[in-house]
Amino acid sequence: DKPWLLTDAKSAPPSKKTAPSPKERKRLIPKSCVLKINNPKVDSIYRELQRIDVKFKNAVAVTFRVFIELSLDCYIEANGLDKNPASGI
């Protein structure tokens, strides 16, 4: 007697899953995304990214890059990390 029996994986028909269709965005950061940002400059840029239309691709890209860079600067400072590029960070 076998305590359990493995069935052949090929015996079950594969289920087809369809990928959900992507919803077009008008903003990079939706209003529903709420973050508590302590730095006023970073917070201002975050709120601007919630308002600016993504059809302005270059403006959104540059603003997002500045948001990321300033956010990283705040993180480095808050955690006492070395900001020297030679350190590998």
PDB file of N, CA and C in Angstrom:
ATOM      1  N   ASP A   1       0.829  -1.199   0.000  1.00  0.00           N
ATOM      2  CA  ASP A   1       0.000   0.000   0.000  1.00  0.00           C
ATOM      3  C   ASP A   1       0.866   1.252   0.000  1.00  0.00           C
ATOM      4  N   LYS A   2       0.494   2.175  -0.868  1.00  0.00           N
ATOM      5  CA  LYS A   2       1.184   3.453  -0.915  1.00  0.00           C
ATOM      6  C   LYS A   2       0.372   4.474  -0.122  1.00  0.00           C
ATOM      7  N   PRO A   3       1.036   5.259   0.757  1.00  0.00           N
ATOM      8  CA  PRO A   3       0.295   6.221   1.566  1.00  0.00           C
ATOM      9  C   PRO A   3      -0.288   7.364   0.728  1.00  0.00           C
ATOM     10  N   TRP A   4       0.338   7.659  -0.375  1.00  0.00           N
ATOM     11  CA  TRP A   4      -0.188   8.704  -1.257  1.00  0.00           C
ATOM     12  C   TRP A   4       0.288   8.429  -2.663  1.00  0.00           C
ATOM     13  N   LEU A   5      -0.342   9.031  -3.628  1.00  0.00           N
ATOM     14  CA  LEU A   5      -0.037   8.769  -5.021  1.00  0.00           C
ATOM     15  C   LEU A   5       0.168  10.094  -5.752  1.00  0.00           C
ATOM     16  N   LEU A   6       1.290  10.204  -6.434  1.00  0.00           N
ATOM     17  CA  LEU A   6       1.541  11.389  -7.248  1.00  0.00           C
ATOM     18  C   LEU A   6       0.890  11.195  -8.605  1.00  0.00           C
ATOM     19  N   THR A   7       0.219  12.223  -9.066  1.00  0.00           N
ATOM     20  CA  THR A   7      -0.380  12.131 -10.396  1.00  0.00           C
ATOM     21  C   THR A   7       0.564  12.777 -11.396  1.00  0.00           C
ATOM     22  N   ASP A   8       0.434  12.363 -12.602  1.00  0.00           N
ATOM     23  CA  ASP A   8       1.257  12.904 -13.679  1.00  0.00           C
ATOM     24  C   ASP A   8       0.888  14.368 -13.908  1.00  0.00           C
ATOM     25  N   ALA A   9       1.887  15.228 -13.977  1.00  0.00           N
ATOM     26  CA  ALA A   9       1.651  16.660 -14.163  1.00  0.00           C
ATOM     27  C   ALA A   9       0.978  16.950 -15.497  1.00  0.00           C
ATOM     28  N   LYS A  10       1.174  16.074 -16.465  1.00  0.00           N
ATOM     29  CA  LYS A  10       0.586  16.299 -17.780  1.00  0.00           C
ATOM     30  C   LYS A  10      -0.897  15.960 -17.807  1.00  0.00           C
ATOM     31  N   SER A  11      -1.392  15.303 -16.787  1.00  0.00           N
ATOM     32  CA  SER A  11      -2.792  14.903 -16.803  1.00  0.00           C
ATOM     33  C   SER A  11      -3.733  16.082 -16.567  1.00  0.00           C
ATOM     34  N   ALA A  12      -3.272  17.106 -15.871  1.00  0.00           N
ATOM     35  CA  ALA A  12      -4.113  18.275 -15.635  1.00  0.00           C
ATOM     36  C   ALA A  12      -3.921  19.271 -16.777  1.00  0.00           C
ATOM     37  N   PRO A  13      -5.012  19.769 -17.336  1.00  0.00           N
ATOM     38  CA  PRO A  13      -4.861  20.742 -18.428  1.00  0.00           C
ATOM     39  C   PRO A  13      -4.293  22.059 -17.883  1.00  0.00           C
ATOM     40  N   PRO A  14      -3.363  22.650 -18.621  1.00  0.00           N
ATOM     41  CA  PRO A  14      -2.783  23.907 -18.142  1.00  0.00           C
ATOM     42  C   PRO A  14      -3.818  25.029 -18.201  1.00  0.00           C
ATOM     43  N   SER A  15      -3.822  25.848 -17.172  1.00  0.00           N
ATOM     44  CA  SER A  15      -4.761  26.970 -17.172  1.00  0.00           C
ATOM     45  C   SER A  15      -4.098  28.166 -17.843  1.00  0.00           C
ATOM     46  N   LYS A  16      -4.857  28.841 -18.663  1.00  0.00           N
ATOM     47  CA  LYS A  16      -4.322  30.014 -19.358  1.00  0.00           C
ATOM     48  C   LYS A  16      -4.685  31.258 -18.555  1.00  0.00           C
ATOM     49  N   LYS A  17      -3.659  31.998 -18.189  1.00  0.00           N
ATOM     50  CA  LYS A  17      -3.890  33.248 -17.479  1.00  0.00           C
ATOM     51  C   LYS A  17      -3.571  34.385 -18.432  1.00  0.00           C
ATOM     52  N   THR A  18      -4.474  35.313 -18.513  1.00  0.00           N
ATOM     53  CA  THR A  18      -4.225  36.470 -19.358  1.00  0.00           C
ATOM     54  C   THR A  18      -3.701  37.605 -18.491  1.00  0.00           C
ATOM     55  N   ALA A  19      -2.748  38.292 -19.031  1.00  0.00           N
ATOM     56  CA  ALA A  19      -2.180  39.425 -18.305  1.00  0.00           C
ATOM     57  C   ALA A  19      -3.184  40.569 -18.326  1.00  0.00           C
ATOM     58  N   PRO A  20      -3.311  41.258 -17.200  1.00  0.00           N
ATOM     59  CA  PRO A  20      -4.234  42.392 -17.194  1.00  0.00           C
ATOM     60  C   PRO A  20      -3.728  43.491 -18.131  1.00  0.00           C
ATOM     61  N   SER A  21      -4.647  44.129 -18.791  1.00  0.00           N
ATOM     62  CA  SER A  21      -4.232  45.187 -19.713  1.00  0.00           C
ATOM     63  C   SER A  21      -3.762  46.397 -18.909  1.00  0.00           C
ATOM     64  N   PRO A  22      -2.635  46.963 -19.310  1.00  0.00           N
ATOM     65  CA  PRO A  22      -2.108  48.100 -18.554  1.00  0.00           C
ATOM     66  C   PRO A  22      -3.015  49.318 -18.705  1.00  0.00           C
ATOM     67  N   LYS A  23      -3.177  50.037 -17.609  1.00  0.00           N
ATOM     68  CA  LYS A  23      -3.990  51.245 -17.620  1.00  0.00           C
ATOM     69  C   LYS A  23      -3.062  52.423 -17.888  1.00  0.00           C
ATOM     70  N   GLU A  24      -3.435  53.253 -18.841  1.00  0.00           N
ATOM     71  CA  GLU A  24      -2.578  54.392 -19.150  1.00  0.00           C
ATOM     72  C   GLU A  24      -2.586  55.383 -18.004  1.00  0.00           C
ATOM     73  N   ARG A  25      -1.404  55.871 -17.691  1.00  0.00           N
ATOM     74  CA  ARG A  25      -1.259  56.844 -16.608  1.00  0.00           C
ATOM     75  C   ARG A  25      -1.242  58.257 -17.164  1.00  0.00           C
ATOM     76  N   LYS A  26      -1.753  59.175 -16.350  1.00  0.00           N
ATOM     77  CA  LYS A  26      -1.613  60.593 -16.672  1.00  0.00           C
ATOM     78  C   LYS A  26      -0.528  61.213 -15.805  1.00  0.00           C
ATOM     79  N   ARG A  27      -0.233  60.578 -14.677  1.00  0.00           N
ATOM     80  CA  ARG A  27       0.755  61.094 -13.733  1.00  0.00           C
ATOM     81  C   ARG A  27       1.743  59.983 -13.382  1.00  0.00           C
ATOM     82  N   LEU A  28       2.981  60.363 -13.071  1.00  0.00           N
ATOM     83  CA  LEU A  28       3.979  59.362 -12.685  1.00  0.00           C
ATOM     84  C   LEU A  28       3.632  58.772 -11.322  1.00  0.00           C
ATOM     85  N   ILE A  29       3.271  59.643 -10.377  1.00  0.00           N
ATOM     86  CA  ILE A  29       2.912  59.200  -9.032  1.00  0.00           C
ATOM     87  C   ILE A  29       1.435  59.506  -8.819  1.00  0.00           C
ATOM     88  N   PRO A  30       0.612  58.484  -8.601  1.00  0.00           N
ATOM     89  CA  PRO A  30      -0.817  58.734  -8.410  1.00  0.00           C
ATOM     90  C   PRO A  30      -1.093  59.436  -7.077  1.00  0.00           C
ATOM     91  N   LYS A  31      -2.192  60.171  -7.022  1.00  0.00           N
ATOM     92  CA  LYS A  31      -2.587  60.877  -5.793  1.00  0.00           C
ATOM     93  C   LYS A  31      -2.822  59.888  -4.646  1.00  0.00           C
ATOM     94  N   SER A  32      -3.167  58.645  -4.976  1.00  0.00           N
ATOM     95  CA  SER A  32      -3.436  57.636  -3.948  1.00  0.00           C
ATOM     96  C   SER A  32      -2.164  57.173  -3.237  1.00  0.00           C
ATOM     97  N   CYS A  33      -1.003  57.479  -3.799  1.00  0.00           N
ATOM     98  CA  CYS A  33       0.281  57.115  -3.180  1.00  0.00           C
ATOM     99  C   CYS A  33       0.641  58.199  -2.170  1.00  0.00           C
ATOM    100  N   VAL A  34       0.562  57.855  -0.891  1.00  0.00           N
ATOM    101  CA  VAL A  34       0.811  58.831   0.166  1.00  0.00           C
ATOM    102  C   VAL A  34       2.094  58.460   0.900  1.00  0.00           C
ATOM    103  N   LEU A  35       3.063  59.372   0.881  1.00  0.00           N
ATOM    104  CA  LEU A  35       4.325  59.184   1.589  1.00  0.00           C
ATOM    105  C   LEU A  35       4.531  60.349   2.540  1.00  0.00           C
ATOM    106  N   LYS A  36       5.106  60.068   3.699  1.00  0.00           N
ATOM    107  CA  LYS A  36       5.463  61.128   4.638  1.00  0.00           C
ATOM    108  C   LYS A  36       6.929  61.454   4.388  1.00  0.00           C
ATOM    109  N   ILE A  37       7.163  62.628   3.813  1.00  0.00           N
ATOM    110  CA  ILE A  37       8.519  63.050   3.473  1.00  0.00           C
ATOM    111  C   ILE A  37       8.861  64.247   4.342  1.00  0.00           C
ATOM    112  N   ASN A  38       9.915  64.115   5.145  1.00  0.00           N
ATOM    113  CA  ASN A  38      10.282  65.160   6.097  1.00  0.00           C
ATOM    114  C   ASN A  38      11.027  66.327   5.466  1.00  0.00           C
ATOM    115  N   ASN A  39      11.763  66.092   4.415  1.00  0.00           N
ATOM    116  CA  ASN A  39      12.530  67.152   3.773  1.00  0.00           C
ATOM    117  C   ASN A  39      11.595  67.983   2.884  1.00  0.00           C
ATOM    118  N   PRO A  40      11.473  69.299   3.153  1.00  0.00           N
ATOM    119  CA  PRO A  40      10.533  70.127   2.384  1.00  0.00           C
ATOM    120  C   PRO A  40      10.823  70.167   0.880  1.00  0.00           C
ATOM    121  N   LYS A  41      12.084  70.190   0.502  1.00  0.00           N
ATOM    122  CA  LYS A  41      12.443  70.244  -0.919  1.00  0.00           C
ATOM    123  C   LYS A  41      12.048  68.941  -1.620  1.00  0.00           C
ATOM    124  N   VAL A  42      12.352  67.812  -0.997  1.00  0.00           N
ATOM    125  CA  VAL A  42      12.005  66.508  -1.579  1.00  0.00           C
ATOM    126  C   VAL A  42      10.485  66.355  -1.629  1.00  0.00           C
ATOM    127  N   ASP A  43       9.804  66.808  -0.574  1.00  0.00           N
ATOM    128  CA  ASP A  43       8.344  66.727  -0.530  1.00  0.00           C
ATOM    129  C   ASP A  43       7.718  67.572  -1.640  1.00  0.00           C
ATOM    130  N   SER A  44       8.268  68.745  -1.881  1.00  0.00           N
ATOM    131  CA  SER A  44       7.759  69.620  -2.938  1.00  0.00           C
ATOM    132  C   SER A  44       7.906  68.962  -4.309  1.00  0.00           C
ATOM    133  N   ILE A  45       9.032  68.329  -4.542  1.00  0.00           N
ATOM    134  CA  ILE A  45       9.264  67.639  -5.819  1.00  0.00           C
ATOM    135  C   ILE A  45       8.322  66.446  -5.954  1.00  0.00           C
ATOM    136  N   TYR A  46       8.114  65.720  -4.851  1.00  0.00           N
ATOM    137  CA  TYR A  46       7.191  64.580  -4.843  1.00  0.00           C
ATOM    138  C   TYR A  46       5.783  65.036  -5.239  1.00  0.00           C
ATOM    139  N   ARG A  47       5.337  66.128  -4.645  1.00  0.00           N
ATOM    140  CA  ARG A  47       3.990  66.642  -4.945  1.00  0.00           C
ATOM    141  C   ARG A  47       3.898  67.139  -6.394  1.00  0.00           C
ATOM    142  N   GLU A  48       4.979  67.694  -6.893  1.00  0.00           N
ATOM    143  CA  GLU A  48       4.996  68.125  -8.294  1.00  0.00           C
ATOM    144  C   GLU A  48       4.875  66.918  -9.221  1.00  0.00           C
ATOM    145  N   LEU A  49       5.528  65.815  -8.864  1.00  0.00           N
ATOM    146  CA  LEU A  49       5.430  64.596  -9.674  1.00  0.00           C
ATOM    147  C   LEU A  49       4.019  64.010  -9.641  1.00  0.00           C
ATOM    148  N   GLN A  50       3.245  64.348  -8.617  1.00  0.00           N
ATOM    149  CA  GLN A  50       1.851  63.907  -8.563  1.00  0.00           C
ATOM    150  C   GLN A  50       0.961  64.766  -9.467  1.00  0.00           C
ATOM    151  N   ARG A  51       1.430  65.956  -9.821  1.00  0.00           N
ATOM    152  CA  ARG A  51       0.621  66.876 -10.630  1.00  0.00           C
ATOM    153  C   ARG A  51       1.002  66.907 -12.107  1.00  0.00           C
ATOM    154  N   ILE A  52       2.270  66.722 -12.422  1.00  0.00           N
ATOM    155  CA  ILE A  52       2.733  66.908 -13.801  1.00  0.00           C
ATOM    156  C   ILE A  52       2.297  65.741 -14.693  1.00  0.00           C
ATOM    157  N   ASP A  53       1.825  66.068 -15.876  1.00  0.00           N
ATOM    158  CA  ASP A  53       1.329  65.078 -16.832  1.00  0.00           C
ATOM    159  C   ASP A  53       2.512  64.341 -17.471  1.00  0.00           C
ATOM    160  N   VAL A  54       2.385  63.028 -17.609  1.00  0.00           N
ATOM    161  CA  VAL A  54       3.480  62.227 -18.171  1.00  0.00           C
ATOM    162  C   VAL A  54       3.730  62.503 -19.650  1.00  0.00           C
ATOM    163  N   LYS A  55       2.842  63.258 -20.292  1.00  0.00           N
ATOM    164  CA  LYS A  55       3.103  63.596 -21.698  1.00  0.00           C
ATOM    165  C   LYS A  55       4.315  64.521 -21.819  1.00  0.00           C
ATOM    166  N   PHE A  56       4.694  65.156 -20.715  1.00  0.00           N
ATOM    167  CA  PHE A  56       5.912  65.971 -20.678  1.00  0.00           C
ATOM    168  C   PHE A  56       7.061  65.074 -20.223  1.00  0.00           C
ATOM    169  N   LYS A  57       7.458  64.173 -21.103  1.00  0.00           N
ATOM    170  CA  LYS A  57       8.400  63.099 -20.767  1.00  0.00           C
ATOM    171  C   LYS A  57       9.718  63.593 -20.198  1.00  0.00           C
ATOM    172  N   ASN A  58      10.317  64.577 -20.836  1.00  0.00           N
ATOM    173  CA  ASN A  58      11.618  65.063 -20.362  1.00  0.00           C
ATOM    174  C   ASN A  58      11.504  65.728 -18.996  1.00  0.00           C
ATOM    175  N   ALA A  59      10.473  66.529 -18.812  1.00  0.00           N
ATOM    176  CA  ALA A  59      10.282  67.201 -17.524  1.00  0.00           C
ATOM    177  C   ALA A  59      10.055  66.179 -16.413  1.00  0.00           C
ATOM    178  N   VAL A  60       9.248  65.171 -16.692  1.00  0.00           N
ATOM    179  CA  VAL A  60       8.984  64.126 -15.695  1.00  0.00           C
ATOM    180  C   VAL A  60      10.264  63.350 -15.400  1.00  0.00           C
ATOM    181  N   ALA A  61      11.019  63.002 -16.431  1.00  0.00           N
ATOM    182  CA  ALA A  61      12.249  62.220 -16.246  1.00  0.00           C
ATOM    183  C   ALA A  61      13.273  62.980 -15.409  1.00  0.00           C
ATOM    184  N   VAL A  62      13.486  64.250 -15.738  1.00  0.00           N
ATOM    185  CA  VAL A  62      14.475  65.048 -15.006  1.00  0.00           C
ATOM    186  C   VAL A  62      14.022  65.275 -13.567  1.00  0.00           C
ATOM    187  N   THR A  63      12.744  65.587 -13.383  1.00  0.00           N
ATOM    188  CA  THR A  63      12.215  65.820 -12.037  1.00  0.00           C
ATOM    189  C   THR A  63      12.293  64.550 -11.200  1.00  0.00           C
ATOM    190  N   PHE A  64      11.996  63.405 -11.806  1.00  0.00           N
ATOM    191  CA  PHE A  64      12.070  62.139 -11.075  1.00  0.00           C
ATOM    192  C   PHE A  64      13.513  61.827 -10.692  1.00  0.00           C
ATOM    193  N   ARG A  65      14.440  62.114 -11.589  1.00  0.00           N
ATOM    194  CA  ARG A  65      15.854  61.878 -11.278  1.00  0.00           C
ATOM    195  C   ARG A  65      16.296  62.737 -10.092  1.00  0.00           C
ATOM    196  N   VAL A  66      15.892  64.000 -10.091  1.00  0.00           N
ATOM    197  CA  VAL A  66      16.229  64.890  -8.977  1.00  0.00           C
ATOM    198  C   VAL A  66      15.591  64.373  -7.688  1.00  0.00           C
ATOM    199  N   PHE A  67      14.355  63.897  -7.770  1.00  0.00           N
ATOM    200  CA  PHE A  67      13.666  63.336  -6.600  1.00  0.00           C
ATOM    201  C   PHE A  67      14.451  62.151  -6.029  1.00  0.00           C
ATOM    202  N   ILE A  68      14.894  61.250  -6.896  1.00  0.00           N
ATOM    203  CA  ILE A  68      15.662  60.078  -6.455  1.00  0.00           C
ATOM    204  C   ILE A  68      16.994  60.509  -5.844  1.00  0.00           C
ATOM    205  N   GLU A  69      17.707  61.407  -6.511  1.00  0.00           N
ATOM    206  CA  GLU A  69      19.018  61.841  -6.011  1.00  0.00           C
ATOM    207  C   GLU A  69      18.909  62.539  -4.657  1.00  0.00           C
ATOM    208  N   LEU A  70      17.939  63.441  -4.512  1.00  0.00           N
ATOM    209  CA  LEU A  70      17.774  64.132  -3.229  1.00  0.00           C
ATOM    210  C   LEU A  70      17.306  63.175  -2.135  1.00  0.00           C
ATOM    211  N   SER A  71      16.463  62.220  -2.503  1.00  0.00           N
ATOM    212  CA  SER A  71      16.019  61.209  -1.534  1.00  0.00           C
ATOM    213  C   SER A  71      17.205  60.390  -1.037  1.00  0.00           C
ATOM    214  N   LEU A  72      18.091  60.019  -1.954  1.00  0.00           N
ATOM    215  CA  LEU A  72      19.290  59.264  -1.568  1.00  0.00           C
ATOM    216  C   LEU A  72      20.210  60.102  -0.690  1.00  0.00           C
ATOM    217  N   ASP A  73      20.361  61.385  -1.022  1.00  0.00           N
ATOM    218  CA  ASP A  73      21.174  62.274  -0.185  1.00  0.00           C
ATOM    219  C   ASP A  73      20.619  62.338   1.237  1.00  0.00           C
ATOM    220  N   CYS A  74      19.301  62.447   1.362  1.00  0.00           N
ATOM    221  CA  CYS A  74      18.662  62.479   2.687  1.00  0.00           C
ATOM    222  C   CYS A  74      18.898  61.164   3.433  1.00  0.00           C
ATOM    223  N   TYR A  75      18.785  60.047   2.728  1.00  0.00           N
ATOM    224  CA  TYR A  75      19.001  58.735   3.346  1.00  0.00           C
ATOM    225  C   TYR A  75      20.440  58.599   3.831  1.00  0.00           C
ATOM    226  N   ILE A  76      21.381  58.997   2.987  1.00  0.00           N
ATOM    227  CA  ILE A  76      22.807  58.914   3.343  1.00  0.00           C
ATOM    228  C   ILE A  76      23.089  59.753   4.580  1.00  0.00           C
ATOM    229  N   GLU A  77      22.546  60.968   4.601  1.00  0.00           N
ATOM    230  CA  GLU A  77      22.769  61.862   5.738  1.00  0.00           C
ATOM    231  C   GLU A  77      22.101  61.328   7.005  1.00  0.00           C
ATOM    232  N   ALA A  78      20.872  60.845   6.893  1.00  0.00           N
ATOM    233  CA  ALA A  78      20.128  60.350   8.053  1.00  0.00           C
ATOM    234  C   ALA A  78      20.769  59.108   8.663  1.00  0.00           C
ATOM    235  N   ASN A  79      21.457  58.324   7.847  1.00  0.00           N
ATOM    236  CA  ASN A  79      22.051  57.078   8.329  1.00  0.00           C
ATOM    237  C   ASN A  79      23.556  57.179   8.533  1.00  0.00           C
ATOM    238  N   GLY A  80      24.091  58.386   8.425  1.00  0.00           N
ATOM    239  CA  GLY A  80      25.512  58.605   8.683  1.00  0.00           C
ATOM    240  C   GLY A  80      26.432  57.837   7.758  1.00  0.00           C
ATOM    241  N   LEU A  81      26.015  57.676   6.516  1.00  0.00           N
ATOM    242  CA  LEU A  81      26.836  56.944   5.553  1.00  0.00           C
ATOM    243  C   LEU A  81      27.840  57.881   4.898  1.00  0.00           C
ATOM    244  N   ASP A  82      28.911  57.302   4.370  1.00  0.00           N
ATOM    245  CA  ASP A  82      29.953  58.067   3.691  1.00  0.00           C
ATOM    246  C   ASP A  82      29.449  58.470   2.311  1.00  0.00           C
ATOM    247  N   LYS A  83      29.490  59.754   2.019  1.00  0.00           N
ATOM    248  CA  LYS A  83      29.000  60.256   0.735  1.00  0.00           C
ATOM    249  C   LYS A  83      30.099  60.310  -0.326  1.00  0.00           C
ATOM    250  N   ASN A  84      31.279  59.854   0.017  1.00  0.00           N
ATOM    251  CA  ASN A  84      32.414  59.870  -0.897  1.00  0.00           C
ATOM    252  C   ASN A  84      32.200  58.836  -2.002  1.00  0.00           C
ATOM    253  N   PRO A  85      32.205  59.245  -3.273  1.00  0.00           N
ATOM    254  CA  PRO A  85      31.997  58.292  -4.371  1.00  0.00           C
ATOM    255  C   PRO A  85      33.030  57.164  -4.402  1.00  0.00           C
ATOM    256  N   ALA A  86      34.221  57.405  -3.874  1.00  0.00           N
ATOM    257  CA  ALA A  86      35.263  56.377  -3.876  1.00  0.00           C
ATOM    258  C   ALA A  86      34.954  55.256  -2.885  1.00  0.00           C
ATOM    259  N   SER A  87      33.982  55.477  -1.992  1.00  0.00           N
ATOM    260  CA  SER A  87      33.666  54.467  -0.976  1.00  0.00           C
ATOM    261  C   SER A  87      32.837  53.317  -1.540  1.00  0.00           C
ATOM    262  N   GLY A  88      32.310  53.471  -2.747  1.00  0.00           N
ATOM    263  CA  GLY A  88      31.539  52.392  -3.353  1.00  0.00           C
ATOM    264  C   GLY A  88      30.043  52.513  -3.144  1.00  0.00           C
ATOM    265  N   ILE A  89      29.589  53.589  -2.529  1.00  0.00           N
ATOM    266  CA  ILE A  89      28.141  53.775  -2.313  1.00  0.00           C
ATOM    267  C   ILE A  89      27.563  54.505  -3.497  1.00  0.00           C
TER     268      ILE A  89
END
